[in-house]
Amino acid sequence: MSTPSTSAASGFAPGLAIKGFAPPLRLADFGLIAFDMDSTLINIECVDEIADAAGRKAEVAAITEAAMRGEIADYKDSLRRRVALLEGVPVAAMQQVLDERLQLNPGAEALVRACQAAGLRTLLVSGGFSFFTDHVRDRLGLDFTRSNVLEVADGALTGRLVDQAWGDICDGEEKKRMLLATCQRLGIAPSRAIAMGDGANDLPMMGAAGLSVAYHAKPAVRAQAMVAIDDGGLDRLLQVFN
């Protein structure tokens, strides 16, 4: 699908850098595109905004930022710590975040529609929460999702996550596993998958995909991605395709 080129990123266009392939690629040569959600498909980190309702946004956001930069090696532990600080937040506060703060990032819908038109299937895989991924899935008509489930009792968060059949937390390794399992389900090689993300927990799935894309990403993620979108919307990825 692509011709290897220099390992150093080059400025393909203002705010758009590429490495490891020679554009243009053909979008129809790919069969799957996998998206991170928080700060990739959407404009917020949902856990931070929920924490705002508990007066703990600064504390939670500091942990989130460190985890996304890769400074916290154990993502599962970092998420448990953040979720514990959400204890007592009413579900109504999460609905308020959904209604008033969550927006799709620029170009999200245009990119998804272009991929769907080219025959790609779509996967949303998130270290965030099903309360929000279900909404984004339905709004964009995405095919598959994987995320975490917040435990609720008496209309409020308990500060714990719900264990699911596949495991307790969707971390970087689970994102990678889900990407590979979806490729297998679709009967395509991982080289025909695109993975987009912004944080350190996206690196495992980005490394497993044929094309890795960093969107307004942390430095460690940008350094490893084949495409880095530093300016503009998600649909700038379409510039590397003919």
C-alpha atoms as a PDB file:
ATOM      1  CA  MET A   1       0.000   0.000   0.000  1.00  0.00           C
ATOM      2  CA  SER A   2       2.847   2.374   0.672  1.00  0.00           C
ATOM      3  CA  THR A   3       6.472   2.833  -0.156  1.00  0.00           C
ATOM      4  CA  PRO A   4       8.859   3.131   2.792  1.00  0.00           C
ATOM      5  CA  SER A   5      10.682   6.417   2.999  1.00  0.00           C
ATOM      6  CA  THR A   6      12.770   8.221   5.548  1.00  0.00           C
ATOM      7  CA  SER A   7      12.211   7.474   9.228  1.00  0.00           C
ATOM      8  CA  ALA A   8      12.329  11.190  10.036  1.00  0.00           C
ATOM      9  CA  ALA A   9       9.073  13.106   9.869  1.00  0.00           C
ATOM     10  CA  SER A  10       8.754  15.573   7.030  1.00  0.00           C
ATOM     11  CA  GLY A  11       6.446  18.547   6.698  1.00  0.00           C
ATOM     12  CA  PHE A  12       4.002  17.258   4.110  1.00  0.00           C
ATOM     13  CA  ALA A  13       1.862  20.379   4.472  1.00  0.00           C
ATOM     14  CA  PRO A  14       1.642  23.134   7.099  1.00  0.00           C
ATOM     15  CA  GLY A  15       0.626  21.486  10.359  1.00  0.00           C
ATOM     16  CA  LEU A  16       0.764  17.995   8.814  1.00  0.00           C
ATOM     17  CA  ALA A  17       3.862  15.780   9.032  1.00  0.00           C
ATOM     18  CA  ILE A  18       4.445  12.296   7.634  1.00  0.00           C
ATOM     19  CA  LYS A  19       7.103   9.600   7.817  1.00  0.00           C
ATOM     20  CA  GLY A  20       7.576   6.011   6.726  1.00  0.00           C
ATOM     21  CA  PHE A  21       5.553   6.149   3.499  1.00  0.00           C
ATOM     22  CA  ALA A  22       5.228   8.055   0.269  1.00  0.00           C
ATOM     23  CA  PRO A  23       1.822   9.655  -0.359  1.00  0.00           C
ATOM     24  CA  PRO A  24      -0.670   9.489  -1.809  1.00  0.00           C
ATOM     25  CA  LEU A  25      -2.203   6.315  -0.423  1.00  0.00           C
ATOM     26  CA  ARG A  26      -5.538   4.848  -1.498  1.00  0.00           C
ATOM     27  CA  LEU A  27      -8.152   4.981   1.250  1.00  0.00           C
ATOM     28  CA  ALA A  28      -9.958   1.998  -0.248  1.00  0.00           C
ATOM     29  CA  ASP A  29      -6.832  -0.129   0.323  1.00  0.00           C
ATOM     30  CA  PHE A  30      -7.634  -0.016   4.042  1.00  0.00           C
ATOM     31  CA  GLY A  31     -10.442  -1.944   5.705  1.00  0.00           C
ATOM     32  CA  LEU A  32     -10.665  -0.489   9.220  1.00  0.00           C
ATOM     33  CA  ILE A  33     -10.085   2.803  11.001  1.00  0.00           C
ATOM     34  CA  ALA A  34      -9.820   2.809  14.797  1.00  0.00           C
ATOM     35  CA  PHE A  35     -10.283   5.980  16.836  1.00  0.00           C
ATOM     36  CA  ASP A  36      -9.474   6.958  20.369  1.00  0.00           C
ATOM     37  CA  MET A  37     -12.266   9.111  21.789  1.00  0.00           C
ATOM     38  CA  ASP A  38     -11.199  11.684  24.404  1.00  0.00           C
ATOM     39  CA  SER A  39      -9.227  14.553  22.831  1.00  0.00           C
ATOM     40  CA  THR A  40      -9.235  12.670  19.503  1.00  0.00           C
ATOM     41  CA  LEU A  41     -12.772  12.223  18.203  1.00  0.00           C
ATOM     42  CA  ILE A  42     -14.148  14.589  20.843  1.00  0.00           C
ATOM     43  CA  ASN A  43     -12.948  17.859  22.357  1.00  0.00           C
ATOM     44  CA  ILE A  44     -12.753  16.898  26.050  1.00  0.00           C
ATOM     45  CA  GLU A  45     -11.363  14.395  28.514  1.00  0.00           C
ATOM     46  CA  CYS A  46     -14.651  13.108  29.927  1.00  0.00           C
ATOM     47  CA  VAL A  47     -13.214  11.962  33.263  1.00  0.00           C
ATOM     48  CA  ASP A  48     -11.871  15.465  33.910  1.00  0.00           C
ATOM     49  CA  GLU A  49     -15.229  17.066  33.151  1.00  0.00           C
ATOM     50  CA  ILE A  50     -17.108  14.625  35.395  1.00  0.00           C
ATOM     51  CA  ALA A  51     -14.620  15.425  38.156  1.00  0.00           C
ATOM     52  CA  ASP A  52     -15.528  19.088  37.774  1.00  0.00           C
ATOM     53  CA  ALA A  53     -18.938  18.231  39.238  1.00  0.00           C
ATOM     54  CA  ALA A  54     -17.185  16.904  42.333  1.00  0.00           C
ATOM     55  CA  GLY A  55     -14.883  19.916  42.651  1.00  0.00           C
ATOM     56  CA  ARG A  56     -11.904  17.694  41.826  1.00  0.00           C
ATOM     57  CA  LYS A  57     -11.139  18.588  38.225  1.00  0.00           C
ATOM     58  CA  ALA A  58      -7.628  19.901  38.842  1.00  0.00           C
ATOM     59  CA  GLU A  59      -6.618  16.784  40.770  1.00  0.00           C
ATOM     60  CA  VAL A  60      -8.063  14.381  38.207  1.00  0.00           C
ATOM     61  CA  ALA A  61      -6.826  16.368  35.201  1.00  0.00           C
ATOM     62  CA  ALA A  62      -3.269  16.282  36.542  1.00  0.00           C
ATOM     63  CA  ILE A  63      -3.381  12.472  36.639  1.00  0.00           C
ATOM     64  CA  THR A  64      -4.942  12.343  33.167  1.00  0.00           C
ATOM     65  CA  GLU A  65      -2.260  14.606  31.704  1.00  0.00           C
ATOM     66  CA  ALA A  66       0.547  12.559  33.233  1.00  0.00           C
ATOM     67  CA  ALA A  67      -0.996   9.325  31.958  1.00  0.00           C
ATOM     68  CA  MET A  68      -1.421  10.695  28.439  1.00  0.00           C
ATOM     69  CA  ARG A  69       2.198  11.879  28.388  1.00  0.00           C
ATOM     70  CA  GLY A  70       3.275   8.373  29.354  1.00  0.00           C
ATOM     71  CA  GLU A  71       4.650   9.437  32.728  1.00  0.00           C
ATOM     72  CA  ILE A  72       2.430   6.926  34.561  1.00  0.00           C
ATOM     73  CA  ALA A  73       3.375   3.427  33.467  1.00  0.00           C
ATOM     74  CA  ASP A  74       0.282   1.711  34.915  1.00  0.00           C
ATOM     75  CA  TYR A  75      -2.691   3.169  33.048  1.00  0.00           C
ATOM     76  CA  LYS A  76      -5.134   0.897  34.857  1.00  0.00           C
ATOM     77  CA  ASP A  77      -3.981   2.199  38.225  1.00  0.00           C
ATOM     78  CA  SER A  78      -4.182   5.790  37.025  1.00  0.00           C
ATOM     79  CA  LEU A  79      -7.754   5.270  35.836  1.00  0.00           C
ATOM     80  CA  ARG A  80      -8.811   3.568  39.064  1.00  0.00           C
ATOM     81  CA  ARG A  81      -7.373   6.503  41.010  1.00  0.00           C
ATOM     82  CA  ARG A  82      -9.295   8.992  38.905  1.00  0.00           C
ATOM     83  CA  VAL A  83     -12.556   7.041  39.002  1.00  0.00           C
ATOM     84  CA  ALA A  84     -12.309   6.717  42.797  1.00  0.00           C
ATOM     85  CA  LEU A  85     -12.348  10.506  43.000  1.00  0.00           C
ATOM     86  CA  LEU A  86     -15.694  10.538  41.159  1.00  0.00           C
ATOM     87  CA  GLU A  87     -17.548   8.760  43.962  1.00  0.00           C
ATOM     88  CA  GLY A  88     -20.889  10.395  44.644  1.00  0.00           C
ATOM     89  CA  VAL A  89     -21.147  12.318  41.357  1.00  0.00           C
ATOM     90  CA  PRO A  90     -24.765  12.018  40.173  1.00  0.00           C
ATOM     91  CA  VAL A  91     -25.514  10.527  36.777  1.00  0.00           C
ATOM     92  CA  ALA A  92     -27.280  13.804  35.997  1.00  0.00           C
ATOM     93  CA  ALA A  93     -23.888  15.523  36.100  1.00  0.00           C
ATOM     94  CA  MET A  94     -22.563  13.122  33.455  1.00  0.00           C
ATOM     95  CA  GLN A  95     -25.597  13.878  31.307  1.00  0.00           C
ATOM     96  CA  GLN A  96     -24.825  17.572  31.694  1.00  0.00           C
ATOM     97  CA  VAL A  97     -21.268  16.976  30.466  1.00  0.00           C
ATOM     98  CA  LEU A  98     -22.682  15.098  27.491  1.00  0.00           C
ATOM     99  CA  ASP A  99     -25.250  17.764  26.676  1.00  0.00           C
ATOM    100  CA  GLU A 100     -23.230  20.915  27.342  1.00  0.00           C
ATOM    101  CA  ARG A 101     -19.519  20.157  26.952  1.00  0.00           C
ATOM    102  CA  LEU A 102     -18.948  17.207  24.640  1.00  0.00           C
ATOM    103  CA  GLN A 103     -18.476  18.119  20.990  1.00  0.00           C
ATOM    104  CA  LEU A 104     -17.005  16.258  18.058  1.00  0.00           C
ATOM    105  CA  ASN A 105     -13.615  17.609  17.116  1.00  0.00           C
ATOM    106  CA  PRO A 106     -13.391  19.518  13.815  1.00  0.00           C
ATOM    107  CA  GLY A 107     -13.360  17.239  10.808  1.00  0.00           C
ATOM    108  CA  ALA A 108     -14.503  14.157  12.742  1.00  0.00           C
ATOM    109  CA  GLU A 109     -17.719  13.633  10.843  1.00  0.00           C
ATOM    110  CA  ALA A 110     -16.122  14.428   7.462  1.00  0.00           C
ATOM    111  CA  LEU A 111     -13.365  11.865   8.055  1.00  0.00           C
ATOM    112  CA  VAL A 112     -15.737   9.168   9.259  1.00  0.00           C
ATOM    113  CA  ARG A 113     -18.079   9.687   6.312  1.00  0.00           C
ATOM    114  CA  ALA A 114     -15.181   9.551   3.830  1.00  0.00           C
ATOM    115  CA  CYS A 115     -13.925   6.307   5.368  1.00  0.00           C
ATOM    116  CA  GLN A 116     -17.391   4.785   5.333  1.00  0.00           C
ATOM    117  CA  ALA A 117     -17.861   5.803   1.697  1.00  0.00           C
ATOM    118  CA  ALA A 118     -14.557   4.080   0.843  1.00  0.00           C
ATOM    119  CA  GLY A 119     -15.759   0.867   2.461  1.00  0.00           C
ATOM    120  CA  LEU A 120     -13.837   1.009   5.744  1.00  0.00           C
ATOM    121  CA  ARG A 121     -15.374  -0.281   8.957  1.00  0.00           C
ATOM    122  CA  THR A 122     -15.078   1.913  12.034  1.00  0.00           C
ATOM    123  CA  LEU A 123     -13.948   1.171  15.582  1.00  0.00           C
ATOM    124  CA  LEU A 124     -14.096   3.435  18.645  1.00  0.00           C
ATOM    125  CA  VAL A 125     -11.786   2.128  21.352  1.00  0.00           C
ATOM    126  CA  SER A 126     -11.463   4.231  24.463  1.00  0.00           C
ATOM    127  CA  GLY A 127     -10.016   4.302  27.939  1.00  0.00           C
ATOM    128  CA  GLY A 128     -13.040   6.455  28.700  1.00  0.00           C
ATOM    129  CA  PHE A 129     -16.583   5.444  29.485  1.00  0.00           C
ATOM    130  CA  SER A 130     -19.470   3.743  27.705  1.00  0.00           C
ATOM    131  CA  PHE A 131     -21.843   6.509  28.804  1.00  0.00           C
ATOM    132  CA  PHE A 132     -20.077   8.713  26.249  1.00  0.00           C
ATOM    133  CA  THR A 133     -18.800   6.196  23.680  1.00  0.00           C
ATOM    134  CA  ASP A 134     -22.338   4.925  23.100  1.00  0.00           C
ATOM    135  CA  HIS A 135     -23.432   8.461  22.249  1.00  0.00           C
ATOM    136  CA  VAL A 136     -20.504   9.045  19.874  1.00  0.00           C
ATOM    137  CA  ARG A 137     -21.023   5.623  18.260  1.00  0.00           C
ATOM    138  CA  ASP A 138     -24.673   6.350  17.577  1.00  0.00           C
ATOM    139  CA  ARG A 139     -24.070   9.893  16.353  1.00  0.00           C
ATOM    140  CA  LEU A 140     -21.425   8.825  13.826  1.00  0.00           C
ATOM    141  CA  GLY A 141     -22.816   5.396  12.968  1.00  0.00           C
ATOM    142  CA  LEU A 142     -19.654   3.579  14.063  1.00  0.00           C
ATOM    143  CA  ASP A 143     -19.503  -0.198  13.782  1.00  0.00           C
ATOM    144  CA  PHE A 144     -17.661  -1.310  16.923  1.00  0.00           C
ATOM    145  CA  THR A 145     -16.840   0.130  20.344  1.00  0.00           C
ATOM    146  CA  ARG A 146     -14.835  -0.856  23.400  1.00  0.00           C
ATOM    147  CA  SER A 147     -14.596   1.253  26.553  1.00  0.00           C
ATOM    148  CA  ASN A 148     -15.017   1.172  30.327  1.00  0.00           C
ATOM    149  CA  VAL A 149     -18.238   1.060  32.327  1.00  0.00           C
ATOM    150  CA  LEU A 150     -18.719   3.222  35.403  1.00  0.00           C
ATOM    151  CA  GLU A 151     -20.544   1.559  38.289  1.00  0.00           C
ATOM    152  CA  VAL A 152     -23.716   3.377  39.349  1.00  0.00           C
ATOM    153  CA  ALA A 153     -25.827   2.895  42.482  1.00  0.00           C
ATOM    154  CA  ASP A 154     -28.829   4.986  43.525  1.00  0.00           C
ATOM    155  CA  GLY A 155     -28.278   7.410  40.668  1.00  0.00           C
ATOM    156  CA  ALA A 156     -24.663   8.235  41.491  1.00  0.00           C
ATOM    157  CA  LEU A 157     -21.186   6.947  40.711  1.00  0.00           C
ATOM    158  CA  THR A 158     -19.678   4.541  43.234  1.00  0.00           C
ATOM    159  CA  GLY A 159     -16.078   5.356  42.371  1.00  0.00           C
ATOM    160  CA  ARG A 160     -15.571   1.934  40.800  1.00  0.00           C
ATOM    161  CA  LEU A 161     -15.583   0.392  37.337  1.00  0.00           C
ATOM    162  CA  VAL A 162     -17.714  -2.565  36.300  1.00  0.00           C
ATOM    163  CA  ASP A 163     -15.719  -5.673  35.415  1.00  0.00           C
ATOM    164  CA  GLN A 164     -16.616  -6.985  31.969  1.00  0.00           C
ATOM    165  CA  ALA A 165     -16.198 -10.385  30.367  1.00  0.00           C
ATOM    166  CA  TRP A 166     -13.034  -9.314  28.537  1.00  0.00           C
ATOM    167  CA  GLY A 167     -11.385  -7.762  31.586  1.00  0.00           C
ATOM    168  CA  ASP A 168     -11.587  -4.884  33.985  1.00  0.00           C
ATOM    169  CA  ILE A 169     -10.160  -1.877  32.156  1.00  0.00           C
ATOM    170  CA  CYS A 170      -9.670  -0.848  28.538  1.00  0.00           C
ATOM    171  CA  ASP A 171      -6.040   0.251  28.570  1.00  0.00           C
ATOM    172  CA  GLY A 172      -3.450   0.451  25.823  1.00  0.00           C
ATOM    173  CA  GLU A 173      -3.024  -3.302  25.527  1.00  0.00           C
ATOM    174  CA  GLU A 174      -6.781  -3.807  25.343  1.00  0.00           C
ATOM    175  CA  LYS A 175      -6.999  -1.190  22.601  1.00  0.00           C
ATOM    176  CA  LYS A 176      -4.380  -3.121  20.643  1.00  0.00           C
ATOM    177  CA  ARG A 177      -6.128  -6.436  21.308  1.00  0.00           C
ATOM    178  CA  MET A 178      -9.424  -4.989  20.148  1.00  0.00           C
ATOM    179  CA  LEU A 179      -7.902  -3.610  16.946  1.00  0.00           C
ATOM    180  CA  LEU A 180      -6.315  -6.970  16.120  1.00  0.00           C
ATOM    181  CA  ALA A 181      -9.484  -8.892  17.022  1.00  0.00           C
ATOM    182  CA  THR A 182     -11.565  -6.596  14.817  1.00  0.00           C
ATOM    183  CA  CYS A 183      -9.162  -7.089  11.921  1.00  0.00           C
ATOM    184  CA  GLN A 184      -9.472 -10.844  12.390  1.00  0.00           C
ATOM    185  CA  ARG A 185     -13.267 -10.563  12.530  1.00  0.00           C
ATOM    186  CA  LEU A 186     -13.228  -8.623   9.261  1.00  0.00           C
ATOM    187  CA  GLY A 187     -10.731 -11.002   7.639  1.00  0.00           C
ATOM    188  CA  ILE A 188      -8.135  -8.307   6.995  1.00  0.00           C
ATOM    189  CA  ALA A 189      -4.468  -7.973   7.908  1.00  0.00           C
ATOM    190  CA  PRO A 190      -3.559  -5.361  10.552  1.00  0.00           C
ATOM    191  CA  SER A 191      -1.563  -3.617   7.835  1.00  0.00           C
ATOM    192  CA  ARG A 192      -4.942  -2.591   6.394  1.00  0.00           C
ATOM    193  CA  ALA A 193      -5.945  -0.811   9.616  1.00  0.00           C
ATOM    194  CA  ILE A 194      -5.574   2.872  10.491  1.00  0.00           C
ATOM    195  CA  ALA A 195      -5.289   3.875  14.153  1.00  0.00           C
ATOM    196  CA  MET A 196      -5.714   7.441  15.420  1.00  0.00           C
ATOM    197  CA  GLY A 197      -4.963   8.734  18.897  1.00  0.00           C
ATOM    198  CA  ASP A 198      -3.339  11.407  21.017  1.00  0.00           C
ATOM    199  CA  GLY A 199      -2.065   9.793  24.226  1.00  0.00           C
ATOM    200  CA  ALA A 200       0.431   7.201  25.398  1.00  0.00           C
ATOM    201  CA  ASN A 201      -2.260   4.558  25.855  1.00  0.00           C
ATOM    202  CA  ASP A 202      -2.927   4.754  22.108  1.00  0.00           C
ATOM    203  CA  LEU A 203       0.607   3.731  21.174  1.00  0.00           C
ATOM    204  CA  PRO A 204       0.086  -0.065  21.340  1.00  0.00           C
ATOM    205  CA  MET A 205      -2.786  -0.017  18.821  1.00  0.00           C
ATOM    206  CA  MET A 206      -1.037   2.589  16.687  1.00  0.00           C
ATOM    207  CA  GLY A 207       2.018   0.338  16.559  1.00  0.00           C
ATOM    208  CA  ALA A 208      -0.082  -2.619  15.423  1.00  0.00           C
ATOM    209  CA  ALA A 209      -1.817  -0.743  12.595  1.00  0.00           C
ATOM    210  CA  GLY A 210      -0.610  -0.232   9.049  1.00  0.00           C
ATOM    211  CA  LEU A 211      -1.024   3.528   9.351  1.00  0.00           C
ATOM    212  CA  SER A 212      -0.696   5.378  12.653  1.00  0.00           C
ATOM    213  CA  VAL A 213      -2.037   8.905  13.075  1.00  0.00           C
ATOM    214  CA  ALA A 214      -1.376  11.341  15.924  1.00  0.00           C
ATOM    215  CA  TYR A 215      -3.976  14.070  16.357  1.00  0.00           C
ATOM    216  CA  HIS A 216      -2.813  17.141  18.309  1.00  0.00           C
ATOM    217  CA  ALA A 217      -0.906  14.558  20.297  1.00  0.00           C
ATOM    218  CA  LYS A 218       1.524  14.343  23.184  1.00  0.00           C
ATOM    219  CA  PRO A 219       5.167  14.548  22.036  1.00  0.00           C
ATOM    220  CA  ALA A 220       5.891  10.841  22.576  1.00  0.00           C
ATOM    221  CA  VAL A 221       2.894   9.892  20.445  1.00  0.00           C
ATOM    222  CA  ARG A 222       3.647  12.387  17.713  1.00  0.00           C
ATOM    223  CA  ALA A 223       7.231  11.101  17.525  1.00  0.00           C
ATOM    224  CA  GLN A 224       6.107   7.549  16.778  1.00  0.00           C
ATOM    225  CA  ALA A 225       3.192   8.237  14.436  1.00  0.00           C
ATOM    226  CA  MET A 226       3.404   7.976  10.665  1.00  0.00           C
ATOM    227  CA  VAL A 227       1.076  10.954  10.283  1.00  0.00           C
ATOM    228  CA  ALA A 228       0.971  13.851  12.745  1.00  0.00           C
ATOM    229  CA  ILE A 229      -1.879  16.338  12.503  1.00  0.00           C
ATOM    230  CA  ASP A 230      -0.707  19.351  14.493  1.00  0.00           C
ATOM    231  CA  ASP A 231      -3.024  21.959  13.047  1.00  0.00           C
ATOM    232  CA  GLY A 232      -6.587  21.735  11.768  1.00  0.00           C
ATOM    233  CA  GLY A 233      -9.186  19.003  11.992  1.00  0.00           C
ATOM    234  CA  LEU A 234      -9.238  15.223  11.823  1.00  0.00           C
ATOM    235  CA  ASP A 235     -10.183  15.319   8.160  1.00  0.00           C
ATOM    236  CA  ARG A 236      -6.694  16.596   7.323  1.00  0.00           C
ATOM    237  CA  LEU A 237      -5.768  12.905   7.240  1.00  0.00           C
ATOM    238  CA  LEU A 238      -7.574  12.769   3.890  1.00  0.00           C
ATOM    239  CA  GLN A 239      -4.782  14.891   2.398  1.00  0.00           C
ATOM    240  CA  VAL A 240      -2.446  11.867   2.354  1.00  0.00           C
ATOM    241  CA  PHE A 241      -4.926   9.910   0.202  1.00  0.00           C
ATOM    242  CA  ASN A 242      -5.812  10.336  -3.441  1.00  0.00           C
END
